[in-house]
């Protein structure tokens, strides 16, 4: 039989009387974090323990967008919003700021960075000009915070590939950049040769360093070619996953697994999957 006491308690919990939307979500988080009546797991969390979930949820949002899964996107955006609410609740408990402060700050920032929309500046400007104006406003904001170095406040915790692009963009603003893609391609070839030399003649530490240099240049090449390297790599990951599953399916029809196969057979199945995909695109 159902536990009617628990059911009745759930129906009469004051949380159900809070208007749905942000008010209810904020009330839920306050309740979850309550030391006496909340969830022990939520109570034990800190900024550091929640941060990995925040990053993960951001990537799941990007994944849903990449796949055009709008029903999933709605849920993933909710999960990401929950992360903001969670961090804000912990900050409010410590007397730092509240969720309302977070919303107010970003609203003020958006107003100040769009004087052509919310101020008296002309809206008759190109997207490039708006981007340059945006960068000027952000530079002034960084200076106000005491961040005087060109590369100051590029977050260390960003994924390495994304941070590489941001560092390069920041340096490019002051003219530290190759003027043409051909020069970046030449640098890529140079770094690839140095990696080969390190592999053949040097030790593991040098190999790691040269690999990092090559990846850094590849990120720069993507930037010069107008390609988002994170998106490009996500696409490559999805393609690899899709084609490898085709290999597994083909082997399963023979009552085999990849472990029962060999590189030659799997390579042939990979080529077949690749050819099939290309034929569908024609």
Protein backbone atom coordinates (compact mmCIF):
# COMPACT_ATOMS: atom_id res chain seq x y z
CA UNK A 1 0.00 0.00 0.00
CA UNK A 2 1.21 3.56 -0.65
CA UNK A 3 2.56 5.57 2.25
CA UNK A 4 -0.35 7.99 2.65
CA UNK A 5 1.50 10.01 5.28
CA UNK A 6 4.31 10.76 2.85
CA UNK A 7 1.83 11.50 0.06
CA UNK A 8 -0.16 13.92 2.22
CA UNK A 9 3.02 15.63 3.37
CA UNK A 10 4.15 16.10 -0.23
CA UNK A 11 0.81 17.67 -1.18
CA UNK A 12 0.83 20.05 1.78
CA UNK A 13 4.49 21.08 1.54
CA UNK A 14 4.53 24.92 1.34
CA UNK A 15 6.81 24.69 -1.73
CA UNK A 16 3.72 23.85 -3.81
CA UNK A 17 2.12 27.16 -2.87
CA UNK A 18 5.03 29.20 -4.25
CA UNK A 19 4.29 30.63 -7.72
CA UNK A 20 5.91 28.52 -10.42
CA UNK A 21 8.93 29.85 -12.27
CA UNK A 22 11.95 31.57 -10.76
CA UNK A 23 10.28 32.14 -7.39
CA UNK A 24 9.61 28.43 -6.94
CA UNK A 25 13.05 27.42 -8.20
CA UNK A 26 14.77 29.77 -5.76
CA UNK A 27 12.55 28.51 -2.94
CA UNK A 28 13.38 24.90 -3.84
CA UNK A 29 17.11 25.62 -3.65
CA UNK A 30 16.75 27.39 -0.31
CA UNK A 31 14.88 24.34 1.00
CA UNK A 32 17.41 21.87 -0.39
CA UNK A 33 20.23 23.78 1.31
CA UNK A 34 18.44 24.08 4.67
CA UNK A 35 20.66 22.33 7.26
CA UNK A 36 17.64 21.04 9.19
CA UNK A 37 15.06 20.13 6.55
CA UNK A 38 17.05 19.99 3.32
CA UNK A 39 18.82 17.29 1.34
CA UNK A 40 22.06 16.12 3.02
CA UNK A 41 23.85 15.93 -0.35
CA UNK A 42 22.89 19.48 -1.35
CA UNK A 43 23.81 20.81 2.09
CA UNK A 44 27.31 19.34 1.84
CA UNK A 45 28.15 20.88 -1.53
CA UNK A 46 30.57 23.78 -2.09
CA UNK A 47 31.43 26.00 -5.04
CA UNK A 48 34.31 23.68 -5.86
CA UNK A 49 32.23 20.50 -5.81
CA UNK A 50 29.43 22.04 -7.90
CA UNK A 51 31.72 23.71 -10.48
CA UNK A 52 32.34 20.49 -12.48
CA UNK A 53 28.56 20.01 -12.81
CA UNK A 54 28.24 23.59 -14.03
CA UNK A 55 30.77 22.96 -16.78
CA UNK A 56 29.15 19.65 -17.67
CA UNK A 57 25.71 21.23 -17.96
CA UNK A 58 27.06 23.96 -20.25
CA UNK A 59 28.45 21.30 -22.56
CA UNK A 60 25.15 19.42 -22.52
CA UNK A 61 23.42 22.62 -23.63
CA UNK A 62 25.92 22.89 -26.49
CA UNK A 63 25.35 19.24 -27.38
CA UNK A 64 21.58 19.67 -27.58
CA UNK A 65 22.04 22.72 -29.81
CA UNK A 66 24.48 20.81 -32.01
CA UNK A 67 21.91 18.04 -32.52
CA UNK A 68 18.98 20.42 -32.95
CA UNK A 69 17.20 18.66 -30.07
CA UNK A 70 14.94 21.50 -28.94
CA UNK A 71 12.94 19.44 -26.42
CA UNK A 72 16.20 18.39 -24.79
CA UNK A 73 17.54 21.94 -24.98
CA UNK A 74 14.68 23.17 -22.80
CA UNK A 75 15.65 20.70 -20.09
CA UNK A 76 19.39 21.30 -20.44
CA UNK A 77 18.92 25.07 -20.12
CA UNK A 78 16.95 24.39 -16.94
CA UNK A 79 19.79 22.26 -15.60
CA UNK A 80 22.26 25.05 -16.39
CA UNK A 81 20.03 27.63 -14.72
CA UNK A 82 19.92 25.41 -11.64
CA UNK A 83 23.70 25.66 -11.42
CA UNK A 84 23.50 29.46 -11.31
CA UNK A 85 20.81 29.24 -8.62
CA UNK A 86 22.91 26.75 -6.62
CA UNK A 87 26.04 28.95 -6.63
CA UNK A 88 23.97 32.04 -5.84
CA UNK A 89 22.28 30.34 -2.88
CA UNK A 90 25.63 29.34 -1.39
CA UNK A 91 26.90 32.90 -1.87
CA UNK A 92 23.79 34.33 -0.20
CA UNK A 93 24.24 32.01 2.78
CA UNK A 94 27.77 33.39 3.18
CA UNK A 95 26.63 37.00 2.83
CA UNK A 96 28.33 37.65 -0.52
CA UNK A 97 25.47 38.19 -2.97
CA UNK A 98 22.08 36.80 -3.98
CA UNK A 99 20.56 35.55 -7.23
CA UNK A 100 18.88 38.93 -7.57
CA UNK A 101 22.30 40.60 -7.39
CA UNK A 102 23.56 38.29 -10.14
CA UNK A 103 20.59 39.17 -12.37
CA UNK A 104 20.95 42.90 -11.63
CA UNK A 105 24.65 42.87 -12.46
CA UNK A 106 24.29 41.14 -15.80
CA UNK A 107 21.35 43.39 -16.70
CA UNK A 108 23.44 46.49 -15.93
CA UNK A 109 26.31 45.07 -17.94
CA UNK A 110 24.13 44.41 -20.97
CA UNK A 111 22.71 47.94 -20.83
CA UNK A 112 26.15 49.55 -20.58
CA UNK A 113 27.53 47.40 -23.39
CA UNK A 114 24.67 48.29 -25.75
CA UNK A 115 24.52 52.09 -25.79
CA UNK A 116 23.26 51.88 -29.39
CA UNK A 117 20.17 50.05 -28.10
CA UNK A 118 19.60 51.41 -24.57
CA UNK A 119 21.45 54.73 -24.86
CA UNK A 120 21.79 57.68 -27.20
CA UNK A 121 24.31 56.19 -29.64
CA UNK A 122 23.29 55.54 -33.23
CA UNK A 123 22.19 52.02 -34.06
CA UNK A 124 23.31 52.61 -37.64
CA UNK A 125 26.62 50.73 -37.47
CA UNK A 126 28.00 47.46 -38.78
CA UNK A 127 28.29 44.26 -36.74
CA UNK A 128 32.10 44.69 -36.87
CA UNK A 129 31.86 48.19 -35.45
CA UNK A 130 29.54 46.96 -32.72
CA UNK A 131 32.08 44.25 -31.88
CA UNK A 132 34.88 46.85 -31.63
CA UNK A 133 32.72 49.06 -29.42
CA UNK A 134 31.88 46.04 -27.25
CA UNK A 135 35.58 45.32 -26.78
CA UNK A 136 36.25 48.94 -25.79
CA UNK A 137 33.57 48.76 -23.10
CA UNK A 138 34.91 45.44 -21.80
CA UNK A 139 38.45 46.87 -21.73
CA UNK A 140 37.22 49.78 -19.62
CA UNK A 141 35.46 47.33 -17.28
CA UNK A 142 38.67 45.31 -16.89
CA UNK A 143 40.67 48.45 -16.19
CA UNK A 144 38.17 49.44 -13.51
CA UNK A 145 38.79 46.07 -11.86
CA UNK A 146 42.55 46.63 -11.93
CA UNK A 147 43.17 44.16 -14.74
CA UNK A 148 45.76 46.12 -16.71
CA UNK A 149 47.54 43.31 -18.57
CA UNK A 150 46.29 42.35 -22.02
CA UNK A 151 45.77 38.73 -20.96
CA UNK A 152 44.45 39.49 -17.48
CA UNK A 153 41.14 37.85 -16.50
CA UNK A 154 41.13 35.21 -19.25
CA UNK A 155 39.78 32.48 -17.00
CA UNK A 156 42.32 29.78 -16.14
CA UNK A 157 39.53 27.24 -15.60
CA UNK A 158 38.32 27.32 -19.21
CA UNK A 159 38.83 24.21 -21.34
CA UNK A 160 42.36 24.47 -22.73
CA UNK A 161 41.28 24.74 -26.38
CA UNK A 162 38.76 27.48 -25.64
CA UNK A 163 41.26 29.37 -23.47
CA UNK A 164 43.88 29.19 -26.24
CA UNK A 165 41.48 30.91 -28.64
CA UNK A 166 40.57 33.57 -26.07
CA UNK A 167 44.24 34.29 -25.31
CA UNK A 168 44.97 34.61 -29.03
CA UNK A 169 42.00 36.90 -29.62
CA UNK A 170 43.06 39.13 -26.73
CA UNK A 171 46.64 39.38 -28.05
CA UNK A 172 45.34 40.07 -31.57
CA UNK A 173 43.51 43.15 -30.32
CA UNK A 174 46.85 44.86 -29.72
CA UNK A 175 48.36 43.69 -32.99
CA UNK A 176 50.16 40.56 -31.80
CA UNK A 177 48.90 38.27 -34.54
CA UNK A 178 49.88 36.84 -37.90
CA UNK A 179 48.39 38.97 -40.69
CA UNK A 180 47.57 36.01 -42.93
CA UNK A 181 46.38 32.42 -42.66
CA UNK A 182 49.33 31.29 -44.80
CA UNK A 183 51.73 32.32 -42.03
CA UNK A 184 49.76 30.31 -39.49
CA UNK A 185 49.88 27.29 -41.81
CA UNK A 186 53.65 27.69 -42.11
CA UNK A 187 53.92 27.85 -38.31
CA UNK A 188 51.79 24.70 -38.04
CA UNK A 189 54.20 22.84 -40.33
CA UNK A 190 57.13 24.12 -38.27
CA UNK A 191 55.57 22.95 -35.00
CA UNK A 192 54.68 19.55 -36.53
CA UNK A 193 58.32 19.10 -37.59
CA UNK A 194 59.49 20.00 -34.07
CA UNK A 195 57.09 17.43 -32.60
CA UNK A 196 58.48 14.75 -34.90
CA UNK A 197 62.01 15.72 -33.90
CA UNK A 198 61.08 15.58 -30.20
CA UNK A 199 59.54 12.12 -30.67
CA UNK A 200 62.64 10.80 -32.41
CA UNK A 201 65.40 12.53 -30.45
CA UNK A 202 64.13 14.00 -27.18
CA UNK A 203 62.33 12.87 -24.04
CA UNK A 204 58.67 12.70 -22.92
CA UNK A 205 58.66 16.23 -21.44
CA UNK A 206 59.79 17.75 -24.72
CA UNK A 207 57.18 15.73 -26.62
CA UNK A 208 54.43 17.09 -24.34
CA UNK A 209 55.70 20.64 -24.83
CA UNK A 210 55.84 20.35 -28.62
CA UNK A 211 52.41 18.72 -28.71
CA UNK A 212 51.07 21.69 -26.76
CA UNK A 213 52.70 24.13 -29.19
CA UNK A 214 51.14 22.33 -32.16
CA UNK A 215 47.68 22.29 -30.58
CA UNK A 216 48.02 25.99 -29.75
CA UNK A 217 48.83 26.79 -33.38
CA UNK A 218 45.93 24.62 -34.55
CA UNK A 219 43.60 26.69 -32.36
CA UNK A 220 45.06 29.83 -33.92
CA UNK A 221 44.57 28.42 -37.41
CA UNK A 222 40.92 27.71 -36.62
CA UNK A 223 40.49 31.30 -35.43
CA UNK A 224 42.06 32.69 -38.61
CA UNK A 225 39.79 30.50 -40.74
CA UNK A 226 36.68 31.54 -38.84
CA UNK A 227 36.16 28.07 -37.37
CA UNK A 228 35.12 27.39 -33.78
CA UNK A 229 37.65 24.66 -32.83
CA UNK A 230 35.47 23.36 -30.01
CA UNK A 231 32.53 22.94 -32.40
CA UNK A 232 34.78 21.41 -35.05
CA UNK A 233 36.18 18.88 -32.58
CA UNK A 234 32.72 18.06 -31.25
CA UNK A 235 31.69 17.35 -34.83
CA UNK A 236 34.72 15.13 -35.36
CA UNK A 237 33.96 13.28 -32.12
CA UNK A 238 30.36 12.72 -33.22
CA UNK A 239 31.51 11.48 -36.63
CA UNK A 240 34.01 9.08 -35.08
CA UNK A 241 31.36 7.76 -32.69
CA UNK A 242 28.82 7.32 -35.49
CA UNK A 243 31.21 5.47 -37.79
CA UNK A 244 32.62 3.27 -35.04
CA UNK A 245 29.10 2.22 -34.13
CA UNK A 246 28.62 1.23 -37.76
CA UNK A 247 31.68 -0.99 -37.38
CA UNK A 248 30.18 -2.58 -34.26
CA UNK A 249 26.84 -3.12 -36.00
CA UNK A 250 28.51 -4.75 -39.02
CA UNK A 251 30.56 -7.03 -36.80
CA UNK A 252 27.51 -7.91 -34.69
CA UNK A 253 25.84 -9.26 -37.84
CA UNK A 254 28.70 -11.74 -37.94
CA UNK A 255 28.29 -12.52 -34.22
CA UNK A 256 31.56 -10.70 -33.56
CA UNK A 257 32.75 -7.75 -31.49
CA UNK A 258 35.64 -5.35 -32.19
CA UNK A 259 37.75 -7.43 -29.82
CA UNK A 260 37.20 -10.43 -32.12
CA UNK A 261 38.22 -8.45 -35.19
CA UNK A 262 41.49 -6.89 -36.38
CA UNK A 263 42.59 -3.49 -37.64
CA UNK A 264 42.44 -4.47 -41.31
CA UNK A 265 38.82 -5.65 -41.08
CA UNK A 266 37.69 -2.70 -38.97
CA UNK A 267 39.47 -0.25 -41.27
CA UNK A 268 37.59 -1.71 -44.25
CA UNK A 269 34.29 -1.38 -42.38
CA UNK A 270 35.21 2.22 -41.48
CA UNK A 271 35.80 3.02 -45.16
CA UNK A 272 32.45 1.43 -46.02
CA UNK A 273 30.67 3.56 -43.40
CA UNK A 274 32.44 6.66 -44.69
CA UNK A 275 31.46 5.88 -48.30
CA UNK A 276 27.85 5.25 -47.27
CA UNK A 277 27.66 8.62 -45.51
CA UNK A 278 29.09 10.43 -48.51
CA UNK A 279 26.67 8.72 -50.89
CA UNK A 280 23.72 9.87 -48.75
CA UNK A 281 24.93 13.46 -48.99
CA UNK A 282 24.96 13.44 -52.79
